[in-house]
Protein backbone atom coordinates (compact mmCIF):
# COMPACT_ATOMS: atom_id res chain seq x y z
CA MET A 1 157.46 138.52 95.58
CA THR A 2 153.97 137.33 96.89
CA THR A 3 151.86 140.38 98.37
CA LEU A 4 149.51 139.20 101.34
CA LYS A 5 147.44 141.52 103.35
CA ILE A 6 146.87 141.17 107.24
CA ALA A 7 145.26 142.98 109.95
CA GLY A 8 144.95 143.55 113.28
CA VAL A 9 144.09 145.65 116.38
CA PRO A 10 146.79 148.79 116.79
CA GLU A 11 147.90 147.18 120.14
CA HIS A 12 151.07 146.49 121.87
CA PHE A 13 150.18 142.84 121.26
CA ASN A 14 150.79 143.06 117.60
CA LEU A 15 154.29 144.75 117.93
CA PRO A 16 156.18 141.38 117.00
CA TRP A 17 154.28 141.64 113.69
CA HIS A 18 155.72 145.26 112.82
CA LEU A 19 159.45 144.31 114.17
CA CYS A 20 159.44 141.68 111.72
CA GLU A 21 158.33 144.06 108.87
CA GLU A 22 160.37 146.87 109.92
CA ASN A 23 163.44 144.33 110.22
CA GLY A 24 162.68 143.06 106.43
CA GLU A 25 162.01 139.57 107.71
CA PHE A 26 159.00 139.04 105.66
CA ALA A 27 160.83 140.56 102.65
CA ALA A 28 163.42 138.64 102.90
CA ALA A 29 161.10 135.45 102.73
CA HIS A 30 160.01 137.14 99.41
CA ILE A 31 156.78 137.84 100.86
CA ASP A 32 155.25 141.65 100.71
CA LEU A 33 153.04 141.29 103.98
CA GLU A 34 150.75 144.35 104.18
CA TRP A 35 149.83 145.38 107.52
CA THR A 36 146.40 147.52 108.24
CA ASP A 37 145.63 148.50 111.72
CA VAL A 38 141.98 148.16 112.57
CA PRO A 39 140.96 150.16 115.59
CA GLU A 40 137.41 149.13 115.30
CA GLY A 41 138.31 145.51 116.57
CA THR A 42 137.04 141.97 115.99
CA GLY A 43 133.54 142.68 114.41
CA LYS A 44 135.48 144.49 111.37
CA LEU A 45 138.30 142.26 110.94
CA CYS A 46 135.56 139.62 110.53
CA GLN A 47 133.91 141.79 107.66
CA MET A 48 137.54 142.11 106.13
CA LEU A 49 137.91 138.29 105.92
CA ARG A 50 134.39 137.88 104.42
CA SER A 51 135.00 140.71 102.02
CA GLY A 52 138.46 139.85 101.05
CA GLU A 53 139.85 143.05 102.07
CA THR A 54 142.37 141.45 104.36
CA ASP A 55 143.78 137.93 103.68
CA ILE A 56 145.08 137.10 107.35
CA ALA A 57 143.71 138.43 110.80
CA VAL A 58 145.25 138.45 114.28
CA ILE A 59 141.88 138.28 115.93
CA LEU A 60 140.28 137.58 119.51
CA THR A 61 139.35 133.87 119.69
CA GLU A 62 135.94 133.91 120.56
CA GLY A 63 134.92 136.42 117.82
CA MET A 64 136.53 134.48 115.09
CA VAL A 65 135.37 131.37 116.27
CA LYS A 66 131.60 132.88 116.26
CA ASP A 67 132.02 133.85 112.62
CA ILE A 68 133.34 130.96 111.34
CA VAL A 69 130.53 129.03 112.72
CA GLY A 70 128.16 131.73 111.14
CA GLY A 71 129.88 131.28 107.50
CA ASN A 72 133.34 133.11 107.44
CA PRO A 73 135.19 131.06 104.84
CA SER A 74 138.22 131.20 107.25
CA LYS A 75 140.43 128.80 109.26
CA ILE A 76 142.17 129.17 112.45
CA VAL A 77 145.97 128.42 111.56
CA GLN A 78 147.32 129.08 115.01
CA VAL A 79 146.91 130.36 118.60
CA TYR A 80 148.78 133.86 118.89
CA VAL A 81 148.28 134.86 122.30
CA GLU A 82 147.96 132.05 124.63
CA SER A 83 147.09 134.05 128.02
CA PRO A 84 143.92 135.59 128.65
CA LEU A 85 142.81 138.76 127.86
CA LEU A 86 142.25 140.99 130.40
CA TRP A 87 139.12 143.12 129.70
CA GLY A 88 138.44 146.18 132.00
CA ILE A 89 135.41 147.41 132.64
CA HIS A 90 134.96 151.11 132.57
CA VAL A 91 132.58 154.13 133.52
CA ALA A 92 132.84 157.47 132.87
CA ALA A 93 134.69 159.14 135.74
CA ASN A 94 131.63 161.02 137.12
CA SER A 95 129.34 158.27 136.36
CA ARG A 96 126.75 157.05 139.10
CA PHE A 97 127.93 153.62 139.24
CA LYS A 98 130.21 152.52 141.84
CA THR A 99 130.90 148.81 141.22
CA SER A 100 130.60 146.30 138.58
CA ALA A 101 127.49 144.81 140.04
CA ASP A 102 125.70 148.45 139.89
CA LEU A 103 125.78 147.77 135.84
CA GLN A 104 123.16 144.82 135.48
CA TYR A 105 120.71 147.40 133.89
CA ALA A 106 122.85 149.49 132.16
CA LYS A 107 123.63 150.19 128.43
CA VAL A 108 127.17 148.61 127.05
CA ALA A 109 129.10 150.37 124.81
CA ILE A 110 130.51 148.25 122.33
CA SER A 111 132.63 148.54 119.20
CA ARG A 112 130.21 146.97 116.75
CA ILE A 113 128.12 143.58 116.58
CA GLY A 114 130.13 140.39 116.93
CA SER A 115 132.83 142.70 118.36
CA GLY A 116 135.09 141.20 121.74
CA SER A 117 133.76 144.26 123.95
CA GLN A 118 129.76 142.83 122.82
CA LEU A 119 130.81 139.30 123.26
CA MET A 120 132.87 139.89 126.87
CA ALA A 121 129.64 141.91 128.18
CA TYR A 122 127.74 138.69 127.88
CA VAL A 123 130.24 136.17 129.47
CA ASN A 124 130.55 139.00 132.00
CA ALA A 125 126.58 138.90 132.27
CA GLU A 126 126.46 135.24 132.71
CA GLN A 127 129.39 135.19 135.45
CA ASN A 128 127.45 137.81 137.35
CA GLY A 129 124.37 135.93 137.17
CA TRP A 130 122.76 138.48 134.90
CA LYS A 131 119.98 137.63 132.13
CA THR A 132 121.88 138.11 129.14
CA ALA A 133 118.40 139.11 127.44
CA ASP A 134 118.53 142.36 129.36
CA LEU A 135 121.56 143.21 127.81
CA GLN A 136 121.59 146.87 125.76
CA PHE A 137 124.23 147.87 123.34
CA GLU A 138 125.24 151.44 121.79
CA ILE A 139 127.77 151.12 118.77
CA VAL A 140 130.52 153.49 119.29
CA ASN A 141 132.91 151.98 116.67
CA THR A 142 136.25 153.02 118.37
CA ILE A 143 138.05 153.70 122.00
CA ASP A 144 137.49 157.56 121.09
CA GLY A 145 133.60 156.43 120.37
CA ALA A 146 133.28 154.98 123.77
CA VAL A 147 134.91 158.17 125.78
CA GLU A 148 132.35 160.53 123.66
CA SER A 149 129.51 157.68 124.32
CA LEU A 150 130.27 157.52 128.24
CA THR A 151 131.01 161.28 128.70
CA ALA A 152 127.47 162.08 126.97
CA GLY A 153 125.87 159.47 128.61
CA THR A 154 124.17 157.67 125.60
CA SER A 155 125.78 154.50 127.38
CA ASP A 156 126.75 153.45 130.49
CA TYR A 157 130.03 151.22 130.53
CA PHE A 158 132.46 149.70 128.33
CA MET A 159 134.95 146.63 128.03
CA TRP A 160 138.20 147.28 126.29
CA GLU A 161 141.66 145.71 127.26
CA HIS A 162 143.07 146.97 130.74
CA PHE A 163 146.49 148.25 129.96
CA MET A 164 145.31 150.05 126.43
CA THR A 165 142.55 151.61 128.07
CA LYS A 166 144.78 152.58 131.44
CA PRO A 167 145.84 155.87 130.21
CA LEU A 168 142.25 157.37 130.11
CA VAL A 169 142.06 155.99 133.66
CA ASP A 170 144.77 157.78 134.74
CA GLN A 171 143.93 160.93 133.06
CA GLY A 172 140.55 160.63 134.93
CA ILE A 173 138.45 160.11 131.65
CA PHE A 174 137.23 156.56 132.86
CA ARG A 175 136.69 154.80 135.76
CA ARG A 176 137.64 150.98 136.08
CA LEU A 177 135.33 149.19 138.17
CA GLY A 178 136.90 145.74 137.71
CA ASP A 179 138.22 143.25 134.72
CA CYS A 180 137.14 140.34 133.46
CA PRO A 181 139.44 138.03 131.81
CA THR A 182 138.88 135.69 128.97
CA PRO A 183 138.17 132.16 129.81
CA TRP A 184 140.60 131.12 126.80
CA PRO A 185 143.58 132.05 124.86
CA CYS A 186 142.82 135.43 123.63
CA PHE A 187 144.34 135.97 120.01
CA VAL A 188 144.31 133.70 117.46
CA ILE A 189 145.58 133.91 113.61
CA ALA A 190 143.19 133.20 110.94
CA VAL A 191 143.07 133.01 107.07
CA ARG A 192 141.01 133.25 104.24
CA GLU A 193 140.28 129.31 103.07
CA GLU A 194 140.99 130.56 99.11
CA VAL A 195 144.27 132.30 100.39
CA LEU A 196 145.22 128.84 102.27
CA GLU A 197 144.49 127.31 99.19
CA GLN A 198 146.85 129.34 96.78
CA HIS A 199 149.41 130.31 99.26
CA ALA A 200 150.16 127.50 101.64
CA SER A 201 153.86 127.98 101.85
CA GLU A 202 153.91 131.50 102.15
CA ILE A 203 151.56 131.18 104.99
CA GLN A 204 153.84 128.84 106.81
CA GLU A 205 156.72 130.93 106.14
CA ILE A 206 154.76 133.98 107.69
CA LEU A 207 153.77 131.60 110.65
CA LYS A 208 157.37 130.22 111.02
CA ILE A 209 159.03 134.08 111.09
CA ILE A 210 156.41 135.44 113.69
CA ASN A 211 156.73 132.23 115.78
CA LYS A 212 160.58 133.04 116.10
CA LYS A 213 159.80 136.68 116.75
CA THR A 214 157.33 135.81 119.46
CA ARG A 215 159.82 132.99 121.29
CA ALA A 216 162.45 135.71 121.43
CA PHE A 217 159.98 138.91 122.44
CA LYS A 218 160.38 139.35 125.76
CA ASN A 219 164.13 139.10 125.83
CA LEU A 220 164.60 141.52 123.06
CA PRO A 221 166.68 144.83 124.28
CA ASN A 222 164.68 147.39 125.73
CA ILE A 223 161.50 145.94 124.86
CA ASP A 224 159.47 147.62 127.74
CA GLY A 225 160.51 150.78 126.68
CA ILE A 226 160.19 150.29 123.10
CA LEU A 227 156.53 149.20 124.21
CA ALA A 228 156.05 152.57 126.19
CA SER A 229 157.19 154.65 123.65
CA ARG A 230 155.35 153.35 120.90
CA TYR A 231 151.99 152.78 122.46
CA LYS A 232 152.11 155.78 124.60
CA LEU A 233 152.18 153.59 128.18
CA LYS A 234 153.63 154.22 131.44
CA ILE A 235 156.68 151.36 131.29
CA SER A 236 155.62 150.20 134.79
CA ASP A 237 152.38 149.07 133.28
CA ILE A 238 154.06 147.47 130.01
CA GLN A 239 156.29 145.31 132.43
CA GLU A 240 153.20 144.44 134.38
CA TRP A 241 151.48 143.42 130.88
CA LEU A 242 154.49 141.36 130.12
CA SER A 243 154.60 139.61 133.15
CA LEU A 244 150.88 138.52 132.28
CA THR A 245 151.35 138.05 128.53
CA HIS A 246 152.39 134.66 126.76
CA TRP A 247 152.67 134.23 123.09
CA SER A 248 152.20 130.81 121.52
CA GLN A 249 153.59 128.91 118.75
CA ASN A 250 150.77 126.08 118.60
CA GLN A 251 148.27 125.09 117.30
CA LEU A 252 144.32 125.60 118.79
CA GLN A 253 143.70 122.71 120.88
CA GLU A 254 140.29 120.54 120.36
CA GLU A 255 139.22 121.06 123.88
CA VAL A 256 139.74 124.69 123.83
CA LEU A 257 137.43 125.31 120.56
CA ASN A 258 135.30 123.21 122.45
CA LYS A 259 135.25 125.28 125.58
CA VAL A 260 134.39 128.59 123.11
CA GLN A 261 131.58 127.31 121.38
CA ASN A 262 130.03 125.69 124.51
CA GLN A 263 130.23 129.36 126.11
CA LEU A 264 129.07 130.82 123.15
CA LEU A 265 126.20 128.37 122.50
CA ASP A 266 125.14 128.71 126.20
CA LEU A 267 124.86 132.36 125.85
CA SER A 268 123.10 131.76 122.63
CA LEU A 269 125.56 133.77 120.52
CA ILE A 270 126.06 130.90 117.71
CA ASN A 271 122.66 127.94 117.25
CA LYS A 272 124.97 125.29 116.48
CA LYS A 273 128.83 123.96 116.96
CA GLY A 274 131.12 123.66 114.22
CA THR A 275 133.46 120.61 113.62
CA PHE A 276 137.22 120.94 114.56
CA ALA A 277 138.18 120.23 110.73
CA GLU A 278 135.52 123.05 109.87
CA MET A 279 137.03 125.50 111.80
CA VAL A 280 141.07 124.98 112.39
CA ARG A 281 143.57 123.90 109.78
CA THR A 282 147.34 122.92 110.30
CA VAL A 283 149.66 124.32 107.42
C-alpha cells in the first residue's frame, strides 16, 4: 500500500474524491490517499506543496500557475473542473456599498497572499477599469474570518465561490453585489515533481479513478440531495450549481495556460512566463 497525501478546499467540487475514498476505490488500487481539508484555500495549498505537507493539491488554476512561475516545484497533471468558478462579490449586510461599481477604493478581504480571493480581486478590478495598484487587502484566512472582518468594518468586500457563500447571503449576513467568473477552467490537479518521479504509476491510477467518478458524478442517484446535506446548501442551489459545473478528464491546454499567464502578466502578478513543459506534465 502506497500512502500519498492530497489536499483541497472543503467544498462541493471535491465530493467525488471523498466518495472514491469512502467506497474504497483508492484502497482497491493499493493506494492510501490521505485527504486534508484546507479552508484557507489556494495560498495555503501552494505553501503545502512547497513544504511537502501534501503531495497532491486540487487547486485553483490561476493560483497554481502563479506559484509554479514563482518557483513551486510542482506540475499541473490535469484539469479537474473545466467550467469557470463563479466568484460572488460580497459586502456586509449593513454596508454602505450598494453596487459593485462602488467598491473601487474599498478594502478587499482575502484569505491570504496569493489566494484566489486576491487574484480574482485583481481580475475584477481590471474588468471594471480600476487601477489595480490602488487595491488594498486585509488577510482574513477563512470565510469565517471574512464574516468577522466585514461585520467589524476592517474590510469592505470579499470574493468567494457564489454557492458556498450563498447561505450567508440567505441569512442576511452578507449581501452579494454581483459575480465575477474566472475566464478559464477553475480547478486543476497539481503534484509535487518529486512525487511524480517516484510514484508516476500511482498518480496515473489516482487520475484514472477520479476521472471515472467525475464522468458519472452528475448521474449518481440522489447526488443533489447528498451534496445539499453534506455542504448545508439548499437543494435548488445545488441543482443550479450542478447545471453550471463541468468536470474534466483532460490535460490543461497550452493556449489556456498562455491565457492565464498573459492575464497574470498584465496584472503584474508575475514578471515572466513559464513554458508549457515547465508547468504541465502528462502522466
